[in-house]
Full PDB file with SEQRES, HELIX, SHEET, SSBOND, CRYST1, ORIGX, SCALE, CONECT and MASTER records, all heavy atoms in Angstrom:
SEQRES   1 A   33  VAL SER ASP PRO GLU VAL LEU VAL ARG LEU GLY MET VAL          
SEQRES   2 A   33  LYS GLY VAL GLY PHE ILE GLY VAL THR GLY THR PHE LEU          
SEQRES   3 A   33  PHE PHE VAL LEU ARG ARG GLU                                  
HELIX    1 AA1 PRO A    4  ARG A   32  1                                  29    
CRYST1    1.000    1.000    1.000  90.00  90.00  90.00 P 1           1          
ORIGX1      1.000000  0.000000  0.000000        0.00000                         
ORIGX2      0.000000  1.000000  0.000000        0.00000                         
ORIGX3      0.000000  0.000000  1.000000        0.00000                         
SCALE1      1.000000  0.000000  0.000000        0.00000                         
SCALE2      0.000000  1.000000  0.000000        0.00000                         
SCALE3      0.000000  0.000000  1.000000        0.00000                         
ATOM      1  N   VAL A   1     -13.698 -10.703  -1.536  1.00  0.00           N  
ATOM      2  CA  VAL A   1     -14.467 -10.406  -0.325  1.00  0.00           C  
ATOM      3  C   VAL A   1     -15.802  -9.783  -0.725  1.00  0.00           C  
ATOM      4  O   VAL A   1     -15.850  -8.840  -1.507  1.00  0.00           O  
ATOM      5  CB  VAL A   1     -13.684  -9.421   0.573  1.00  0.00           C  
ATOM      6  CG1 VAL A   1     -14.472  -9.061   1.814  1.00  0.00           C  
ATOM      7  CG2 VAL A   1     -12.325  -9.986   0.938  1.00  0.00           C  
ATOM      8  N   SER A   2     -16.875 -10.300  -0.156  1.00  0.00           N  
ATOM      9  CA  SER A   2     -18.199  -9.759  -0.488  1.00  0.00           C  
ATOM     10  C   SER A   2     -18.754  -8.855   0.610  1.00  0.00           C  
ATOM     11  O   SER A   2     -19.656  -8.066   0.353  1.00  0.00           O  
ATOM     12  CB  SER A   2     -19.174 -10.900  -0.769  1.00  0.00           C  
ATOM     13  OG  SER A   2     -19.277 -11.734   0.370  1.00  0.00           O  
ATOM     14  N   ASP A   3     -18.233  -8.929   1.826  1.00  0.00           N  
ATOM     15  CA  ASP A   3     -18.720  -8.126   2.946  1.00  0.00           C  
ATOM     16  C   ASP A   3     -18.234  -6.682   2.802  1.00  0.00           C  
ATOM     17  O   ASP A   3     -17.028  -6.414   2.813  1.00  0.00           O  
ATOM     18  CB  ASP A   3     -18.214  -8.724   4.262  1.00  0.00           C  
ATOM     19  CG  ASP A   3     -18.765  -8.009   5.489  1.00  0.00           C  
ATOM     20  OD1 ASP A   3     -19.483  -7.001   5.334  1.00  0.00           O  
ATOM     21  OD2 ASP A   3     -18.464  -8.469   6.606  1.00  0.00           O  
ATOM     22  N   PRO A   4     -19.152  -5.702   2.677  1.00  0.00           N  
ATOM     23  CA  PRO A   4     -18.761  -4.302   2.489  1.00  0.00           C  
ATOM     24  C   PRO A   4     -17.911  -3.756   3.645  1.00  0.00           C  
ATOM     25  O   PRO A   4     -16.995  -2.963   3.411  1.00  0.00           O  
ATOM     26  CB  PRO A   4     -20.084  -3.541   2.396  1.00  0.00           C  
ATOM     27  CG  PRO A   4     -21.103  -4.569   2.067  1.00  0.00           C  
ATOM     28  CD  PRO A   4     -20.604  -5.867   2.613  1.00  0.00           C  
ATOM     29  N   GLU A   5     -18.197  -4.174   4.867  1.00  0.00           N  
ATOM     30  CA  GLU A   5     -17.427  -3.688   6.015  1.00  0.00           C  
ATOM     31  C   GLU A   5     -15.975  -4.179   5.945  1.00  0.00           C  
ATOM     32  O   GLU A   5     -15.042  -3.421   6.219  1.00  0.00           O  
ATOM     33  CB  GLU A   5     -18.079  -4.166   7.312  1.00  0.00           C  
ATOM     34  CG  GLU A   5     -17.479  -3.525   8.556  1.00  0.00           C  
ATOM     35  CD  GLU A   5     -18.242  -3.909   9.801  1.00  0.00           C  
ATOM     36  OE1 GLU A   5     -19.488  -3.854   9.778  1.00  0.00           O  
ATOM     37  OE2 GLU A   5     -17.578  -4.249  10.793  1.00  0.00           O  
ATOM     38  N   VAL A   6     -15.800  -5.416   5.546  1.00  0.00           N  
ATOM     39  CA  VAL A   6     -14.455  -5.964   5.399  1.00  0.00           C  
ATOM     40  C   VAL A   6     -13.735  -5.267   4.243  1.00  0.00           C  
ATOM     41  O   VAL A   6     -12.538  -4.977   4.328  1.00  0.00           O  
ATOM     42  CB  VAL A   6     -14.505  -7.493   5.188  1.00  0.00           C  
ATOM     43  CG1 VAL A   6     -13.136  -8.053   4.861  1.00  0.00           C  
ATOM     44  CG2 VAL A   6     -15.093  -8.188   6.408  1.00  0.00           C  
ATOM     45  N   LEU A   7     -14.469  -4.957   3.187  1.00  0.00           N  
ATOM     46  CA  LEU A   7     -13.866  -4.237   2.058  1.00  0.00           C  
ATOM     47  C   LEU A   7     -13.345  -2.870   2.483  1.00  0.00           C  
ATOM     48  O   LEU A   7     -12.276  -2.440   2.037  1.00  0.00           O  
ATOM     49  CB  LEU A   7     -14.873  -4.079   0.924  1.00  0.00           C  
ATOM     50  CG  LEU A   7     -14.982  -5.238  -0.054  1.00  0.00           C  
ATOM     51  CD1 LEU A   7     -16.118  -5.001  -1.040  1.00  0.00           C  
ATOM     52  CD2 LEU A   7     -13.687  -5.467  -0.778  1.00  0.00           C  
ATOM     53  N   VAL A   8     -14.104  -2.178   3.354  1.00  0.00           N  
ATOM     54  CA  VAL A   8     -13.656  -0.869   3.845  1.00  0.00           C  
ATOM     55  C   VAL A   8     -12.362  -1.029   4.636  1.00  0.00           C  
ATOM     56  O   VAL A   8     -11.409  -0.265   4.462  1.00  0.00           O  
ATOM     57  CB  VAL A   8     -14.761  -0.192   4.692  1.00  0.00           C  
ATOM     58  CG1 VAL A   8     -14.219   1.028   5.415  1.00  0.00           C  
ATOM     59  CG2 VAL A   8     -15.934   0.191   3.808  1.00  0.00           C  
ATOM     60  N   ARG A   9     -12.317  -2.014   5.517  1.00  0.00           N  
ATOM     61  CA  ARG A   9     -11.101  -2.246   6.306  1.00  0.00           C  
ATOM     62  C   ARG A   9      -9.921  -2.607   5.403  1.00  0.00           C  
ATOM     63  O   ARG A   9      -8.810  -2.138   5.598  1.00  0.00           O  
ATOM     64  CB  ARG A   9     -11.343  -3.349   7.331  1.00  0.00           C  
ATOM     65  CG  ARG A   9     -12.216  -2.912   8.464  1.00  0.00           C  
ATOM     66  CD  ARG A   9     -12.206  -3.934   9.591  1.00  0.00           C  
ATOM     67  NE  ARG A   9     -13.286  -3.635  10.512  1.00  0.00           N  
ATOM     68  CZ  ARG A   9     -14.204  -4.499  10.902  1.00  0.00           C  
ATOM     69  NH1 ARG A   9     -14.164  -5.745  10.471  1.00  0.00           N  
ATOM     70  NH2 ARG A   9     -15.153  -4.142  11.726  1.00  0.00           N  
ATOM     71  N   LEU A  10     -10.186  -3.478   4.452  1.00  0.00           N  
ATOM     72  CA  LEU A  10      -9.120  -3.847   3.521  1.00  0.00           C  
ATOM     73  C   LEU A  10      -8.674  -2.659   2.679  1.00  0.00           C  
ATOM     74  O   LEU A  10      -7.505  -2.568   2.295  1.00  0.00           O  
ATOM     75  CB  LEU A  10      -9.574  -4.997   2.623  1.00  0.00           C  
ATOM     76  CG  LEU A  10      -9.667  -6.360   3.297  1.00  0.00           C  
ATOM     77  CD1 LEU A  10     -10.240  -7.393   2.326  1.00  0.00           C  
ATOM     78  CD2 LEU A  10      -8.315  -6.814   3.817  1.00  0.00           C  
ATOM     79  N   GLY A  11      -9.591  -1.738   2.404  1.00  0.00           N  
ATOM     80  CA  GLY A  11      -9.222  -0.521   1.681  1.00  0.00           C  
ATOM     81  C   GLY A  11      -8.219   0.306   2.468  1.00  0.00           C  
ATOM     82  O   GLY A  11      -7.281   0.869   1.907  1.00  0.00           O  
ATOM     83  N   MET A  12      -8.411   0.365   3.797  1.00  0.00           N  
ATOM     84  CA  MET A  12      -7.447   1.081   4.635  1.00  0.00           C  
ATOM     85  C   MET A  12      -6.095   0.363   4.644  1.00  0.00           C  
ATOM     86  O   MET A  12      -5.044   0.994   4.533  1.00  0.00           O  
ATOM     87  CB  MET A  12      -7.989   1.233   6.056  1.00  0.00           C  
ATOM     88  CG  MET A  12      -9.122   2.238   6.158  1.00  0.00           C  
ATOM     89  SD  MET A  12      -9.630   2.555   7.853  1.00  0.00           S  
ATOM     90  CE  MET A  12     -10.505   1.035   8.229  1.00  0.00           C  
ATOM     91  N   VAL A  13      -6.142  -0.951   4.748  1.00  0.00           N  
ATOM     92  CA  VAL A  13      -4.902  -1.732   4.717  1.00  0.00           C  
ATOM     93  C   VAL A  13      -4.214  -1.543   3.370  1.00  0.00           C  
ATOM     94  O   VAL A  13      -2.988  -1.414   3.292  1.00  0.00           O  
ATOM     95  CB  VAL A  13      -5.198  -3.226   4.986  1.00  0.00           C  
ATOM     96  CG1 VAL A  13      -3.978  -4.088   4.722  1.00  0.00           C  
ATOM     97  CG2 VAL A  13      -5.703  -3.417   6.404  1.00  0.00           C  
ATOM     98  N   LYS A  14      -5.014  -1.508   2.315  1.00  0.00           N  
ATOM     99  CA  LYS A  14      -4.480  -1.289   0.976  1.00  0.00           C  
ATOM    100  C   LYS A  14      -3.771   0.063   0.894  1.00  0.00           C  
ATOM    101  O   LYS A  14      -2.688   0.176   0.314  1.00  0.00           O  
ATOM    102  CB  LYS A  14      -5.621  -1.355  -0.047  1.00  0.00           C  
ATOM    103  CG  LYS A  14      -5.190  -1.151  -1.466  1.00  0.00           C  
ATOM    104  CD  LYS A  14      -6.378  -1.188  -2.403  1.00  0.00           C  
ATOM    105  CE  LYS A  14      -6.956   0.198  -2.474  1.00  0.00           C  
ATOM    106  NZ  LYS A  14      -7.814   0.431  -3.610  1.00  0.00           N  
ATOM    107  N   GLY A  15      -4.339   1.080   1.509  1.00  0.00           N  
ATOM    108  CA  GLY A  15      -3.712   2.402   1.511  1.00  0.00           C  
ATOM    109  C   GLY A  15      -2.382   2.407   2.242  1.00  0.00           C  
ATOM    110  O   GLY A  15      -1.395   2.971   1.773  1.00  0.00           O  
ATOM    111  N   VAL A  16      -2.358   1.753   3.399  1.00  0.00           N  
ATOM    112  CA  VAL A  16      -1.106   1.659   4.162  1.00  0.00           C  
ATOM    113  C   VAL A  16      -0.082   0.852   3.362  1.00  0.00           C  
ATOM    114  O   VAL A  16       1.095   1.207   3.300  1.00  0.00           O  
ATOM    115  CB  VAL A  16      -1.362   1.032   5.549  1.00  0.00           C  
ATOM    116  CG1 VAL A  16      -0.061   0.712   6.255  1.00  0.00           C  
ATOM    117  CG2 VAL A  16      -2.215   1.964   6.401  1.00  0.00           C  
ATOM    118  N   GLY A  17      -0.537  -0.222   2.748  1.00  0.00           N  
ATOM    119  CA  GLY A  17       0.358  -1.029   1.918  1.00  0.00           C  
ATOM    120  C   GLY A  17       0.906  -0.237   0.753  1.00  0.00           C  
ATOM    121  O   GLY A  17       2.085  -0.354   0.403  1.00  0.00           O  
ATOM    122  N   PHE A  18       0.053   0.587   0.154  1.00  0.00           N  
ATOM    123  CA  PHE A  18       0.492   1.429  -0.962  1.00  0.00           C  
ATOM    124  C   PHE A  18       1.616   2.349  -0.531  1.00  0.00           C  
ATOM    125  O   PHE A  18       2.627   2.488  -1.218  1.00  0.00           O  
ATOM    126  CB  PHE A  18      -0.688   2.251  -1.497  1.00  0.00           C  
ATOM    127  CG  PHE A  18      -0.308   3.222  -2.558  1.00  0.00           C  
ATOM    128  CD1 PHE A  18      -0.092   2.801  -3.853  1.00  0.00           C  
ATOM    129  CD2 PHE A  18      -0.164   4.569  -2.264  1.00  0.00           C  
ATOM    130  CE1 PHE A  18       0.264   3.698  -4.846  1.00  0.00           C  
ATOM    131  CE2 PHE A  18       0.194   5.472  -3.244  1.00  0.00           C  
ATOM    132  CZ  PHE A  18       0.408   5.035  -4.538  1.00  0.00           C  
ATOM    133  N   ILE A  19       1.455   2.978   0.629  1.00  0.00           N  
ATOM    134  CA  ILE A  19       2.496   3.879   1.133  1.00  0.00           C  
ATOM    135  C   ILE A  19       3.793   3.110   1.373  1.00  0.00           C  
ATOM    136  O   ILE A  19       4.874   3.555   0.994  1.00  0.00           O  
ATOM    137  CB  ILE A  19       2.018   4.588   2.412  1.00  0.00           C  
ATOM    138  CG1 ILE A  19       0.907   5.569   2.075  1.00  0.00           C  
ATOM    139  CG2 ILE A  19       3.179   5.313   3.103  1.00  0.00           C  
ATOM    140  CD1 ILE A  19       0.168   6.109   3.274  1.00  0.00           C  
ATOM    141  N   GLY A  20       3.678   1.943   1.991  1.00  0.00           N  
ATOM    142  CA  GLY A  20       4.872   1.144   2.258  1.00  0.00           C  
ATOM    143  C   GLY A  20       5.562   0.661   1.000  1.00  0.00           C  
ATOM    144  O   GLY A  20       6.788   0.771   0.865  1.00  0.00           O  
ATOM    145  N   VAL A  21       4.783   0.146   0.075  1.00  0.00           N  
ATOM    146  CA  VAL A  21       5.365  -0.392  -1.160  1.00  0.00           C  
ATOM    147  C   VAL A  21       5.978   0.725  -2.001  1.00  0.00           C  
ATOM    148  O   VAL A  21       7.110   0.609  -2.478  1.00  0.00           O  
ATOM    149  CB  VAL A  21       4.302  -1.171  -1.977  1.00  0.00           C  
ATOM    150  CG1 VAL A  21       4.793  -1.474  -3.385  1.00  0.00           C  
ATOM    151  CG2 VAL A  21       3.923  -2.448  -1.250  1.00  0.00           C  
ATOM    152  N   THR A  22       5.271   1.814  -2.184  1.00  0.00           N  
ATOM    153  CA  THR A  22       5.800   2.880  -3.033  1.00  0.00           C  
ATOM    154  C   THR A  22       6.964   3.606  -2.354  1.00  0.00           C  
ATOM    155  O   THR A  22       7.904   4.021  -3.024  1.00  0.00           O  
ATOM    156  CB  THR A  22       4.708   3.893  -3.436  1.00  0.00           C  
ATOM    157  OG1 THR A  22       4.084   4.410  -2.269  1.00  0.00           O  
ATOM    158  CG2 THR A  22       3.691   3.246  -4.346  1.00  0.00           C  
ATOM    159  N   GLY A  23       6.910   3.739  -1.035  1.00  0.00           N  
ATOM    160  CA  GLY A  23       8.047   4.335  -0.325  1.00  0.00           C  
ATOM    161  C   GLY A  23       9.301   3.496  -0.487  1.00  0.00           C  
ATOM    162  O   GLY A  23      10.397   4.015  -0.736  1.00  0.00           O  
ATOM    163  N   THR A  24       9.152   2.194  -0.355  1.00  0.00           N  
ATOM    164  CA  THR A  24      10.281   1.287  -0.539  1.00  0.00           C  
ATOM    165  C   THR A  24      10.772   1.331  -1.982  1.00  0.00           C  
ATOM    166  O   THR A  24      11.985   1.381  -2.241  1.00  0.00           O  
ATOM    167  CB  THR A  24       9.869  -0.151  -0.164  1.00  0.00           C  
ATOM    168  OG1 THR A  24       9.406  -0.146   1.191  1.00  0.00           O  
ATOM    169  CG2 THR A  24      11.011  -1.124  -0.309  1.00  0.00           C  
ATOM    170  N   PHE A  25       9.850   1.346  -2.902  1.00  0.00           N  
ATOM    171  CA  PHE A  25      10.180   1.430  -4.322  1.00  0.00           C  
ATOM    172  C   PHE A  25      10.984   2.697  -4.612  1.00  0.00           C  
ATOM    173  O   PHE A  25      12.037   2.647  -5.256  1.00  0.00           O  
ATOM    174  CB  PHE A  25       8.873   1.408  -5.127  1.00  0.00           C  
ATOM    175  CG  PHE A  25       9.032   1.654  -6.587  1.00  0.00           C  
ATOM    176  CD1 PHE A  25       9.477   0.647  -7.431  1.00  0.00           C  
ATOM    177  CD2 PHE A  25       8.724   2.889  -7.131  1.00  0.00           C  
ATOM    178  CE1 PHE A  25       9.607   0.867  -8.791  1.00  0.00           C  
ATOM    179  CE2 PHE A  25       8.861   3.119  -8.484  1.00  0.00           C  
ATOM    180  CZ  PHE A  25       9.305   2.107  -9.317  1.00  0.00           C  
ATOM    181  N   LEU A  26      10.509   3.834  -4.112  1.00  0.00           N  
ATOM    182  CA  LEU A  26      11.219   5.092  -4.330  1.00  0.00           C  
ATOM    183  C   LEU A  26      12.604   5.068  -3.711  1.00  0.00           C  
ATOM    184  O   LEU A  26      13.566   5.576  -4.294  1.00  0.00           O  
ATOM    185  CB  LEU A  26      10.409   6.265  -3.766  1.00  0.00           C  
ATOM    186  CG  LEU A  26       9.211   6.687  -4.596  1.00  0.00           C  
ATOM    187  CD1 LEU A  26       8.404   7.750  -3.848  1.00  0.00           C  
ATOM    188  CD2 LEU A  26       9.654   7.230  -5.938  1.00  0.00           C  
ATOM    189  N   PHE A  27      12.725   4.480  -2.535  1.00  0.00           N  
ATOM    190  CA  PHE A  27      14.023   4.396  -1.871  1.00  0.00           C  
ATOM    191  C   PHE A  27      15.032   3.676  -2.772  1.00  0.00           C  
ATOM    192  O   PHE A  27      16.140   4.154  -2.996  1.00  0.00           O  
ATOM    193  CB  PHE A  27      13.897   3.671  -0.526  1.00  0.00           C  
ATOM    194  CG  PHE A  27      15.219   3.317   0.076  1.00  0.00           C  
ATOM    195  CD1 PHE A  27      15.987   4.280   0.699  1.00  0.00           C  
ATOM    196  CD2 PHE A  27      15.707   2.024  -0.010  1.00  0.00           C  
ATOM    197  CE1 PHE A  27      17.222   3.963   1.235  1.00  0.00           C  
ATOM    198  CE2 PHE A  27      16.932   1.693   0.530  1.00  0.00           C  
ATOM    199  CZ  PHE A  27      17.699   2.662   1.157  1.00  0.00           C  
ATOM    200  N   PHE A  28      14.656   2.511  -3.287  1.00  0.00           N  
ATOM    201  CA  PHE A  28      15.588   1.734  -4.096  1.00  0.00           C  
ATOM    202  C   PHE A  28      15.892   2.403  -5.433  1.00  0.00           C  
ATOM    203  O   PHE A  28      17.043   2.376  -5.904  1.00  0.00           O  
ATOM    204  CB  PHE A  28      15.081   0.304  -4.292  1.00  0.00           C  
ATOM    205  CG  PHE A  28      15.255  -0.530  -3.063  1.00  0.00           C  
ATOM    206  CD1 PHE A  28      14.155  -0.933  -2.324  1.00  0.00           C  
ATOM    207  CD2 PHE A  28      16.521  -0.900  -2.630  1.00  0.00           C  
ATOM    208  CE1 PHE A  28      14.312  -1.700  -1.175  1.00  0.00           C  
ATOM    209  CE2 PHE A  28      16.687  -1.661  -1.485  1.00  0.00           C  
ATOM    210  CZ  PHE A  28      15.590  -2.064  -0.759  1.00  0.00           C  
ATOM    211  N   VAL A  29      14.903   3.019  -6.050  1.00  0.00           N  
ATOM    212  CA  VAL A  29      15.141   3.709  -7.324  1.00  0.00           C  
ATOM    213  C   VAL A  29      16.070   4.899  -7.107  1.00  0.00           C  
ATOM    214  O   VAL A  29      17.053   5.073  -7.846  1.00  0.00           O  
ATOM    215  CB  VAL A  29      13.811   4.169  -7.963  1.00  0.00           C  
ATOM    216  CG1 VAL A  29      14.059   5.127  -9.118  1.00  0.00           C  
ATOM    217  CG2 VAL A  29      13.012   2.974  -8.434  1.00  0.00           C  
ATOM    218  N   LEU A  30      15.796   5.700  -6.091  1.00  0.00           N  
ATOM    219  CA  LEU A  30      16.629   6.873  -5.836  1.00  0.00           C  
ATOM    220  C   LEU A  30      18.036   6.469  -5.396  1.00  0.00           C  
ATOM    221  O   LEU A  30      19.018   7.104  -5.780  1.00  0.00           O  
ATOM    222  CB  LEU A  30      15.971   7.781  -4.806  1.00  0.00           C  
ATOM    223  CG  LEU A  30      14.708   8.478  -5.298  1.00  0.00           C  
ATOM    224  CD1 LEU A  30      14.021   9.222  -4.160  1.00  0.00           C  
ATOM    225  CD2 LEU A  30      15.028   9.434  -6.435  1.00  0.00           C  
ATOM    226  N   ARG A  31      18.146   5.411  -4.603  1.00  0.00           N  
ATOM    227  CA  ARG A  31      19.462   4.947  -4.172  1.00  0.00           C  
ATOM    228  C   ARG A  31      20.286   4.513  -5.385  1.00  0.00           C  
ATOM    229  O   ARG A  31      21.467   4.838  -5.495  1.00  0.00           O  
ATOM    230  CB  ARG A  31      19.323   3.787  -3.191  1.00  0.00           C  
ATOM    231  CG  ARG A  31      20.664   3.328  -2.634  1.00  0.00           C  
ATOM    232  CD  ARG A  31      20.494   2.247  -1.634  1.00  0.00           C  
ATOM    233  NE  ARG A  31      20.150   1.014  -2.344  1.00  0.00           N  
ATOM    234  CZ  ARG A  31      20.172  -0.181  -1.791  1.00  0.00           C  
ATOM    235  NH1 ARG A  31      20.473  -0.322  -0.517  1.00  0.00           N  
ATOM    236  NH2 ARG A  31      19.853  -1.247  -2.485  1.00  0.00           N  
ATOM    237  N   ARG A  32      19.665   3.798  -6.323  1.00  0.00           N  
ATOM    238  CA  ARG A  32      20.370   3.374  -7.526  1.00  0.00           C  
ATOM    239  C   ARG A  32      20.839   4.581  -8.337  1.00  0.00           C  
ATOM    240  O   ARG A  32      21.982   4.634  -8.806  1.00  0.00           O  
ATOM    241  CB  ARG A  32      19.465   2.490  -8.377  1.00  0.00           C  
ATOM    242  CG  ARG A  32      20.178   1.927  -9.603  1.00  0.00           C  
ATOM    243  CD  ARG A  32      19.235   1.269 -10.568  1.00  0.00           C  
ATOM    244  NE  ARG A  32      18.429   2.321 -11.193  1.00  0.00           N  
ATOM    245  CZ  ARG A  32      17.221   2.138 -11.670  1.00  0.00           C  
ATOM    246  NH1 ARG A  32      16.643   0.970 -11.613  1.00  0.00           N  
ATOM    247  NH2 ARG A  32      16.568   3.135 -12.229  1.00  0.00           N  
ATOM    248  N   GLU A  33      19.963   5.570  -8.486  1.00  0.00           N  
ATOM    249  CA  GLU A  33      20.319   6.756  -9.261  1.00  0.00           C  
ATOM    250  C   GLU A  33      21.433   7.547  -8.587  1.00  0.00           C  
ATOM    251  O   GLU A  33      22.346   8.040  -9.250  1.00  0.00           O  
ATOM    252  CB  GLU A  33      19.089   7.642  -9.474  1.00  0.00           C  
ATOM    253  CG  GLU A  33      18.045   7.039 -10.384  1.00  0.00           C  
ATOM    254  CD  GLU A  33      18.521   6.825 -11.806  1.00  0.00           C  
ATOM    255  OE1 GLU A  33      19.443   7.533 -12.265  1.00  0.00           O  
ATOM    256  OE2 GLU A  33      17.984   5.928 -12.480  1.00  0.00           O  
TER     257      GLU A  33                                                      
MASTER        0    0    0    1    0    0    0    6  256    1    0    3          
END                                                                             
């Protein structure tokens, strides 16, 4: 993406995705342990 405004929006989506992915990751790792 070359549009700076779209990059900012995608950065927010990336942050939400990070929380979702890492939260799910932690859930499965801790459940296994």
